[in-house]
Amino acid sequence: MYKRQVPIPYASVSTLVSGHPLSATTDDDGRFVLKPLSPGLYGVTFFSMGMKKTLIPGVEVTTDRATYTVSYTHLTLPTSDLV
């Protein structure tokens, strides 16, 4: 796991809501918004070219926070990307 926090722009982000997929793409700063989501815990999948598709279970969605950030801290990089 790469421990430095580096935003991941243009990553695909998705979750399931009542069995239906909901997706978004991160912006230049790795931020994304998935809506509409009710407060609760969600499994969120991230994918970007050259990276392993990663599921992060238990991402908490609250009413006072609508934007989240994807960074290398959360995702595993291929060995060739580690410096």
PDB file of N, CA and C in Angstrom:
ATOM      1  N   MET A   1       0.846  -1.170   0.000  1.00  0.00           N
ATOM      2  CA  MET A   1       0.000   0.000   0.000  1.00  0.00           C
ATOM      3  C   MET A   1       0.891   1.233   0.000  1.00  0.00           C
ATOM      4  N   TYR A   2       0.626   2.152  -0.864  1.00  0.00           N
ATOM      5  CA  TYR A   2       1.362   3.405  -0.985  1.00  0.00           C
ATOM      6  C   TYR A   2       0.767   4.366   0.027  1.00  0.00           C
ATOM      7  N   LYS A   3       1.537   4.897   0.960  1.00  0.00           N
ATOM      8  CA  LYS A   3       1.011   5.645   2.088  1.00  0.00           C
ATOM      9  C   LYS A   3       0.864   7.147   1.869  1.00  0.00           C
ATOM     10  N   ARG A   4       1.455   7.690   0.832  1.00  0.00           N
ATOM     11  CA  ARG A   4       1.340   9.119   0.575  1.00  0.00           C
ATOM     12  C   ARG A   4      -0.041   9.437   0.014  1.00  0.00           C
ATOM     13  N   GLN A   5      -0.658  10.518   0.477  1.00  0.00           N
ATOM     14  CA  GLN A   5      -1.967  10.883  -0.048  1.00  0.00           C
ATOM     15  C   GLN A   5      -1.802  11.699  -1.318  1.00  0.00           C
ATOM     16  N   VAL A   6      -2.115  11.075  -2.440  1.00  0.00           N
ATOM     17  CA  VAL A   6      -2.044  11.717  -3.743  1.00  0.00           C
ATOM     18  C   VAL A   6      -3.405  11.539  -4.399  1.00  0.00           C
ATOM     19  N   PRO A   7      -4.093  12.631  -4.738  1.00  0.00           N
ATOM     20  CA  PRO A   7      -5.418  12.500  -5.354  1.00  0.00           C
ATOM     21  C   PRO A   7      -5.364  11.698  -6.654  1.00  0.00           C
ATOM     22  N   ILE A   8      -6.437  10.991  -6.935  1.00  0.00           N
ATOM     23  CA  ILE A   8      -6.538  10.214  -8.164  1.00  0.00           C
ATOM     24  C   ILE A   8      -7.610  10.859  -9.047  1.00  0.00           C
ATOM     25  N   PRO A   9      -7.203  11.655 -10.038  1.00  0.00           N
ATOM     26  CA  PRO A   9      -8.186  12.272 -10.924  1.00  0.00           C
ATOM     27  C   PRO A   9      -8.746  11.261 -11.922  1.00  0.00           C
ATOM     28  N   TYR A  10      -9.986  11.466 -12.281  1.00  0.00           N
ATOM     29  CA  TYR A  10     -10.679  10.701 -13.334  1.00  0.00           C
ATOM     30  C   TYR A  10     -10.794   9.208 -13.044  1.00  0.00           C
ATOM     31  N   ALA A  11     -10.864   8.853 -11.764  1.00  0.00           N
ATOM     32  CA  ALA A  11     -11.102   7.459 -11.380  1.00  0.00           C
ATOM     33  C   ALA A  11     -12.604   7.190 -11.431  1.00  0.00           C
ATOM     34  N   SER A  12     -12.959   5.967 -11.710  1.00  0.00           N
ATOM     35  CA  SER A  12     -14.351   5.530 -11.692  1.00  0.00           C
ATOM     36  C   SER A  12     -14.701   5.118 -10.264  1.00  0.00           C
ATOM     37  N   VAL A  13     -15.822   5.599  -9.762  1.00  0.00           N
ATOM     38  CA  VAL A  13     -16.281   5.317  -8.408  1.00  0.00           C
ATOM     39  C   VAL A  13     -17.707   4.780  -8.514  1.00  0.00           C
ATOM     40  N   SER A  14     -17.999   3.685  -7.807  1.00  0.00           N
ATOM     41  CA  SER A  14     -19.356   3.143  -7.893  1.00  0.00           C
ATOM     42  C   SER A  14     -19.769   2.457  -6.606  1.00  0.00           C
ATOM     43  N   THR A  15     -21.082   2.332  -6.437  1.00  0.00           N
ATOM     44  CA  THR A  15     -21.670   1.600  -5.323  1.00  0.00           C
ATOM     45  C   THR A  15     -23.004   1.040  -5.791  1.00  0.00           C
ATOM     46  N   LEU A  16     -23.606   0.211  -4.969  1.00  0.00           N
ATOM     47  CA  LEU A  16     -24.940  -0.323  -5.254  1.00  0.00           C
ATOM     48  C   LEU A  16     -25.928   0.258  -4.257  1.00  0.00           C
ATOM     49  N   VAL A  17     -27.085   0.702  -4.760  1.00  0.00           N
ATOM     50  CA  VAL A  17     -28.157   1.210  -3.919  1.00  0.00           C
ATOM     51  C   VAL A  17     -29.388   0.382  -4.234  1.00  0.00           C
ATOM     52  N   SER A  18     -29.826  -0.404  -3.275  1.00  0.00           N
ATOM     53  CA  SER A  18     -30.970  -1.301  -3.470  1.00  0.00           C
ATOM     54  C   SER A  18     -30.773  -2.175  -4.704  1.00  0.00           C
ATOM     55  N   GLY A  19     -29.551  -2.630  -4.931  1.00  0.00           N
ATOM     56  CA  GLY A  19     -29.244  -3.507  -6.049  1.00  0.00           C
ATOM     57  C   GLY A  19     -29.012  -2.806  -7.373  1.00  0.00           C
ATOM     58  N   HIS A  20     -29.109  -1.480  -7.388  1.00  0.00           N
ATOM     59  CA  HIS A  20     -28.909  -0.709  -8.618  1.00  0.00           C
ATOM     60  C   HIS A  20     -27.578   0.041  -8.547  1.00  0.00           C
ATOM     61  N   PRO A  21     -26.778  -0.019  -9.619  1.00  0.00           N
ATOM     62  CA  PRO A  21     -25.476   0.667  -9.597  1.00  0.00           C
ATOM     63  C   PRO A  21     -25.622   2.185  -9.653  1.00  0.00           C
ATOM     64  N   LEU A  22     -24.746   2.848  -8.940  1.00  0.00           N
ATOM     65  CA  LEU A  22     -24.664   4.302  -8.938  1.00  0.00           C
ATOM     66  C   LEU A  22     -23.189   4.629  -9.115  1.00  0.00           C
ATOM     67  N   SER A  23     -22.854   5.493 -10.072  1.00  0.00           N
ATOM     68  CA  SER A  23     -21.435   5.742 -10.337  1.00  0.00           C
ATOM     69  C   SER A  23     -21.143   7.219 -10.568  1.00  0.00           C
ATOM     70  N   ALA A  24     -19.852   7.535 -10.466  1.00  0.00           N
ATOM     71  CA  ALA A  24     -19.366   8.895 -10.688  1.00  0.00           C
ATOM     72  C   ALA A  24     -17.915   8.797 -11.124  1.00  0.00           C
ATOM     73  N   THR A  25     -17.362   9.925 -11.534  1.00  0.00           N
ATOM     74  CA  THR A  25     -15.947  10.030 -11.891  1.00  0.00           C
ATOM     75  C   THR A  25     -15.330  11.111 -11.026  1.00  0.00           C
ATOM     76  N   THR A  26     -14.126  10.860 -10.515  1.00  0.00           N
ATOM     77  CA  THR A  26     -13.471  11.861  -9.684  1.00  0.00           C
ATOM     78  C   THR A  26     -13.032  13.063 -10.518  1.00  0.00           C
ATOM     79  N   ASP A  27     -12.936  14.214  -9.862  1.00  0.00           N
ATOM     80  CA  ASP A  27     -12.487  15.424 -10.555  1.00  0.00           C
ATOM     81  C   ASP A  27     -10.959  15.518 -10.514  1.00  0.00           C
ATOM     82  N   ASP A  28     -10.412  16.657 -10.910  1.00  0.00           N
ATOM     83  CA  ASP A  28      -8.956  16.849 -10.941  1.00  0.00           C
ATOM     84  C   ASP A  28      -8.289  16.624  -9.585  1.00  0.00           C
ATOM     85  N   ASP A  29      -9.045  16.858  -8.506  1.00  0.00           N
ATOM     86  CA  ASP A  29      -8.511  16.739  -7.151  1.00  0.00           C
ATOM     87  C   ASP A  29      -8.885  15.420  -6.483  1.00  0.00           C
ATOM     88  N   GLY A  30      -9.439  14.470  -7.252  1.00  0.00           N
ATOM     89  CA  GLY A  30      -9.814  13.172  -6.705  1.00  0.00           C
ATOM     90  C   GLY A  30     -11.139  13.187  -5.959  1.00  0.00           C
ATOM     91  N   ARG A  31     -11.869  14.286  -5.996  1.00  0.00           N
ATOM     92  CA  ARG A  31     -13.147  14.387  -5.295  1.00  0.00           C
ATOM     93  C   ARG A  31     -14.267  13.829  -6.149  1.00  0.00           C
ATOM     94  N   PHE A  32     -15.282  13.301  -5.464  1.00  0.00           N
ATOM     95  CA  PHE A  32     -16.440  12.775  -6.176  1.00  0.00           C
ATOM     96  C   PHE A  32     -17.686  12.915  -5.327  1.00  0.00           C
ATOM     97  N   VAL A  33     -18.828  12.882  -6.018  1.00  0.00           N
ATOM     98  CA  VAL A  33     -20.129  12.906  -5.356  1.00  0.00           C
ATOM     99  C   VAL A  33     -20.958  11.781  -5.953  1.00  0.00           C
ATOM    100  N   LEU A  34     -21.492  10.925  -5.097  1.00  0.00           N
ATOM    101  CA  LEU A  34     -22.442   9.889  -5.517  1.00  0.00           C
ATOM    102  C   LEU A  34     -23.784  10.287  -4.921  1.00  0.00           C
ATOM    103  N   LYS A  35     -24.787  10.512  -5.766  1.00  0.00           N
ATOM    104  CA  LYS A  35     -26.092  10.856  -5.225  1.00  0.00           C
ATOM    105  C   LYS A  35     -27.190  10.356  -6.130  1.00  0.00           C
ATOM    106  N   PRO A  36     -28.345  10.117  -5.620  1.00  0.00           N
ATOM    107  CA  PRO A  36     -28.751  10.327  -4.235  1.00  0.00           C
ATOM    108  C   PRO A  36     -28.383   9.127  -3.367  1.00  0.00           C
ATOM    109  N   LEU A  37     -27.790   9.374  -2.220  1.00  0.00           N
ATOM    110  CA  LEU A  37     -27.478   8.335  -1.234  1.00  0.00           C
ATOM    111  C   LEU A  37     -28.051   8.747   0.111  1.00  0.00           C
ATOM    112  N   SER A  38     -28.745   7.835   0.743  1.00  0.00           N
ATOM    113  CA  SER A  38     -29.218   8.068   2.107  1.00  0.00           C
ATOM    114  C   SER A  38     -28.048   7.834   3.055  1.00  0.00           C
ATOM    115  N   PRO A  39     -28.065   8.470   4.226  1.00  0.00           N
ATOM    116  CA  PRO A  39     -27.008   8.204   5.206  1.00  0.00           C
ATOM    117  C   PRO A  39     -26.927   6.707   5.513  1.00  0.00           C
ATOM    118  N   GLY A  40     -25.718   6.213   5.687  1.00  0.00           N
ATOM    119  CA  GLY A  40     -25.509   4.798   5.981  1.00  0.00           C
ATOM    120  C   GLY A  40     -24.115   4.367   5.575  1.00  0.00           C
ATOM    121  N   LEU A  41     -23.894   3.056   5.601  1.00  0.00           N
ATOM    122  CA  LEU A  41     -22.606   2.483   5.212  1.00  0.00           C
ATOM    123  C   LEU A  41     -22.727   1.854   3.833  1.00  0.00           C
ATOM    124  N   TYR A  42     -21.737   2.098   2.980  1.00  0.00           N
ATOM    125  CA  TYR A  42     -21.754   1.593   1.618  1.00  0.00           C
ATOM    126  C   TYR A  42     -20.402   0.975   1.267  1.00  0.00           C
ATOM    127  N   GLY A  43     -20.421  -0.028   0.423  1.00  0.00           N
ATOM    128  CA  GLY A  43     -19.210  -0.548  -0.183  1.00  0.00           C
ATOM    129  C   GLY A  43     -18.976   0.265  -1.444  1.00  0.00           C
ATOM    130  N   VAL A  44     -17.819   0.902  -1.551  1.00  0.00           N
ATOM    131  CA  VAL A  44     -17.529   1.763  -2.697  1.00  0.00           C
ATOM    132  C   VAL A  44     -16.354   1.175  -3.463  1.00  0.00           C
ATOM    133  N   THR A  45     -16.524   1.027  -4.771  1.00  0.00           N
ATOM    134  CA  THR A  45     -15.491   0.476  -5.635  1.00  0.00           C
ATOM    135  C   THR A  45     -14.823   1.605  -6.419  1.00  0.00           C
ATOM    136  N   PHE A  46     -13.483   1.564  -6.471  1.00  0.00           N
ATOM    137  CA  PHE A  46     -12.694   2.552  -7.197  1.00  0.00           C
ATOM    138  C   PHE A  46     -11.884   1.850  -8.270  1.00  0.00           C
ATOM    139  N   PHE A  47     -11.758   2.498  -9.434  1.00  0.00           N
ATOM    140  CA  PHE A  47     -10.949   1.944 -10.502  1.00  0.00           C
ATOM    141  C   PHE A  47     -10.369   3.087 -11.319  1.00  0.00           C
ATOM    142  N   SER A  48      -9.096   2.958 -11.657  1.00  0.00           N
ATOM    143  CA  SER A  48      -8.444   3.912 -12.542  1.00  0.00           C
ATOM    144  C   SER A  48      -7.481   3.127 -13.429  1.00  0.00           C
ATOM    145  N   MET A  49      -7.248   3.601 -14.629  1.00  0.00           N
ATOM    146  CA  MET A  49      -6.345   2.906 -15.547  1.00  0.00           C
ATOM    147  C   MET A  49      -5.000   2.657 -14.872  1.00  0.00           C
ATOM    148  N   GLY A  50      -4.490   1.436 -15.020  1.00  0.00           N
ATOM    149  CA  GLY A  50      -3.209   1.076 -14.451  1.00  0.00           C
ATOM    150  C   GLY A  50      -3.266   0.709 -12.985  1.00  0.00           C
ATOM    151  N   MET A  51      -4.468   0.704 -12.412  1.00  0.00           N
ATOM    152  CA  MET A  51      -4.629   0.372 -11.000  1.00  0.00           C
ATOM    153  C   MET A  51      -5.575  -0.812 -10.843  1.00  0.00           C
ATOM    154  N   LYS A  52      -5.398  -1.511  -9.761  1.00  0.00           N
ATOM    155  CA  LYS A  52      -6.270  -2.629  -9.435  1.00  0.00           C
ATOM    156  C   LYS A  52      -7.617  -2.094  -8.939  1.00  0.00           C
ATOM    157  N   LYS A  53      -8.707  -2.676  -9.427  1.00  0.00           N
ATOM    158  CA  LYS A  53     -10.036  -2.319  -8.955  1.00  0.00           C
ATOM    159  C   LYS A  53     -10.109  -2.650  -7.467  1.00  0.00           C
ATOM    160  N   THR A  54     -10.564  -1.695  -6.654  1.00  0.00           N
ATOM    161  CA  THR A  54     -10.533  -1.848  -5.217  1.00  0.00           C
ATOM    162  C   THR A  54     -11.884  -1.547  -4.598  1.00  0.00           C
ATOM    163  N   LEU A  55     -12.359  -2.441  -3.730  1.00  0.00           N
ATOM    164  CA  LEU A  55     -13.592  -2.229  -2.974  1.00  0.00           C
ATOM    165  C   LEU A  55     -13.217  -1.796  -1.567  1.00  0.00           C
ATOM    166  N   ILE A  56     -13.777  -0.676  -1.135  1.00  0.00           N
ATOM    167  CA  ILE A  56     -13.599  -0.232   0.240  1.00  0.00           C
ATOM    168  C   ILE A  56     -14.951  -0.377   0.927  1.00  0.00           C
ATOM    169  N   PRO A  57     -15.073  -1.366   1.821  1.00  0.00           N
ATOM    170  CA  PRO A  57     -16.354  -1.582   2.505  1.00  0.00           C
ATOM    171  C   PRO A  57     -16.547  -0.575   3.639  1.00  0.00           C
ATOM    172  N   GLY A  58     -17.788  -0.340   3.999  1.00  0.00           N
ATOM    173  CA  GLY A  58     -18.096   0.472   5.176  1.00  0.00           C
ATOM    174  C   GLY A  58     -17.790   1.943   5.068  1.00  0.00           C
ATOM    175  N   VAL A  59     -17.906   2.522   3.858  1.00  0.00           N
ATOM    176  CA  VAL A  59     -17.723   3.965   3.707  1.00  0.00           C
ATOM    177  C   VAL A  59     -18.987   4.633   4.247  1.00  0.00           C
ATOM    178  N   GLU A  60     -18.799   5.480   5.263  1.00  0.00           N
ATOM    179  CA  GLU A  60     -19.961   6.114   5.903  1.00  0.00           C
ATOM    180  C   GLU A  60     -20.376   7.375   5.161  1.00  0.00           C
ATOM    181  N   VAL A  61     -21.657   7.440   4.817  1.00  0.00           N
ATOM    182  CA  VAL A  61     -22.247   8.616   4.188  1.00  0.00           C
ATOM    183  C   VAL A  61     -23.079   9.310   5.256  1.00  0.00           C
ATOM    184  N   THR A  62     -22.829  10.598   5.448  1.00  0.00           N
ATOM    185  CA  THR A  62     -23.575  11.373   6.442  1.00  0.00           C
ATOM    186  C   THR A  62     -24.278  12.538   5.764  1.00  0.00           C
ATOM    187  N   THR A  63     -25.242  13.117   6.451  1.00  0.00           N
ATOM    188  CA  THR A  63     -26.002  14.231   5.872  1.00  0.00           C
ATOM    189  C   THR A  63     -25.183  15.507   5.767  1.00  0.00           C
ATOM    190  N   ASP A  64     -24.117  15.630   6.553  1.00  0.00           N
ATOM    191  CA  ASP A  64     -23.335  16.862   6.535  1.00  0.00           C
ATOM    192  C   ASP A  64     -22.084  16.784   5.668  1.00  0.00           C
ATOM    193  N   ARG A  65     -21.901  15.671   4.959  1.00  0.00           N
ATOM    194  CA  ARG A  65     -20.726  15.545   4.083  1.00  0.00           C
ATOM    195  C   ARG A  65     -21.149  14.894   2.778  1.00  0.00           C
ATOM    196  N   ALA A  66     -21.038  15.646   1.700  1.00  0.00           N
ATOM    197  CA  ALA A  66     -21.495  15.139   0.412  1.00  0.00           C
ATOM    198  C   ALA A  66     -20.360  14.842  -0.554  1.00  0.00           C
ATOM    199  N   THR A  67     -19.153  15.342  -0.285  1.00  0.00           N
ATOM    200  CA  THR A  67     -18.027  15.162  -1.188  1.00  0.00           C
ATOM    201  C   THR A  67     -16.936  14.352  -0.505  1.00  0.00           C
ATOM    202  N   TYR A  68     -16.393  13.392  -1.210  1.00  0.00           N
ATOM    203  CA  TYR A  68     -15.329  12.540  -0.707  1.00  0.00           C
ATOM    204  C   TYR A  68     -14.148  12.619  -1.664  1.00  0.00           C
ATOM    205  N   THR A  69     -12.968  12.199  -1.213  1.00  0.00           N
ATOM    206  CA  THR A  69     -11.766  12.252  -2.030  1.00  0.00           C
ATOM    207  C   THR A  69     -11.144  10.875  -2.141  1.00  0.00           C
ATOM    208  N   VAL A  70     -10.741  10.488  -3.357  1.00  0.00           N
ATOM    209  CA  VAL A  70     -10.024   9.241  -3.584  1.00  0.00           C
ATOM    210  C   VAL A  70      -8.550   9.596  -3.673  1.00  0.00           C
ATOM    211  N   SER A  71      -7.721   8.922  -2.882  1.00  0.00           N
ATOM    212  CA  SER A  71      -6.287   9.166  -2.929  1.00  0.00           C
ATOM    213  C   SER A  71      -5.546   7.836  -2.928  1.00  0.00           C
ATOM    214  N   TYR A  72      -4.248   7.870  -3.231  1.00  0.00           N
ATOM    215  CA  TYR A  72      -3.441   6.659  -3.232  1.00  0.00           C
ATOM    216  C   TYR A  72      -3.404   6.001  -1.863  1.00  0.00           C
ATOM    217  N   THR A  73      -3.715   6.741  -0.814  1.00  0.00           N
ATOM    218  CA  THR A  73      -3.758   6.162   0.523  1.00  0.00           C
ATOM    219  C   THR A  73      -4.774   5.030   0.557  1.00  0.00           C
ATOM    220  N   HIS A  74      -5.844   5.158  -0.217  1.00  0.00           N
ATOM    221  CA  HIS A  74      -6.931   4.188  -0.201  1.00  0.00           C
ATOM    222  C   HIS A  74      -6.761   3.047  -1.193  1.00  0.00           C
ATOM    223  N   LEU A  75      -5.964   3.244  -2.214  1.00  0.00           N
ATOM    224  CA  LEU A  75      -5.880   2.256  -3.286  1.00  0.00           C
ATOM    225  C   LEU A  75      -4.502   1.626  -3.376  1.00  0.00           C
ATOM    226  N   THR A  76      -4.456   0.412  -3.868  1.00  0.00           N
ATOM    227  CA  THR A  76      -3.208  -0.282  -4.081  1.00  0.00           C
ATOM    228  C   THR A  76      -2.706   0.006  -5.485  1.00  0.00           C
ATOM    229  N   LEU A  77      -1.469   0.422  -5.598  1.00  0.00           N
ATOM    230  CA  LEU A  77      -0.871   0.691  -6.902  1.00  0.00           C
ATOM    231  C   LEU A  77      -0.128  -0.532  -7.410  1.00  0.00           C
ATOM    232  N   PRO A  78      -0.047  -0.680  -8.721  1.00  0.00           N
ATOM    233  CA  PRO A  78       0.824  -1.732  -9.249  1.00  0.00           C
ATOM    234  C   PRO A  78       2.260  -1.462  -8.812  1.00  0.00           C
ATOM    235  N   THR A  79       3.040  -2.503  -8.648  1.00  0.00           N
ATOM    236  CA  THR A  79       4.424  -2.379  -8.192  1.00  0.00           C
ATOM    237  C   THR A  79       5.227  -1.413  -9.035  1.00  0.00           C
ATOM    238  N   SER A  80       4.979  -1.343 -10.312  1.00  0.00           N
ATOM    239  CA  SER A  80       5.757  -0.471 -11.196  1.00  0.00           C
ATOM    240  C   SER A  80       5.536   0.996 -10.890  1.00  0.00           C
ATOM    241  N   ASP A  81       4.443   1.353 -10.171  1.00  0.00           N
ATOM    242  CA  ASP A  81       4.153   2.747  -9.852  1.00  0.00           C
ATOM    243  C   ASP A  81       4.778   3.192  -8.535  1.00  0.00           C
ATOM    244  N   LEU A  82       5.334   2.286  -7.767  1.00  0.00           N
ATOM    245  CA  LEU A  82       5.920   2.649  -6.486  1.00  0.00           C
ATOM    246  C   LEU A  82       7.321   3.211  -6.690  1.00  0.00           C
ATOM    247  N   VAL A  83       7.635   4.289  -5.998  1.00  0.00           N
ATOM    248  CA  VAL A  83       8.936   4.936  -6.152  1.00  0.00           C
ATOM    249  C   VAL A  83       9.726   4.787  -4.872  1.00  0.00           C
TER     250      VAL A  83
END
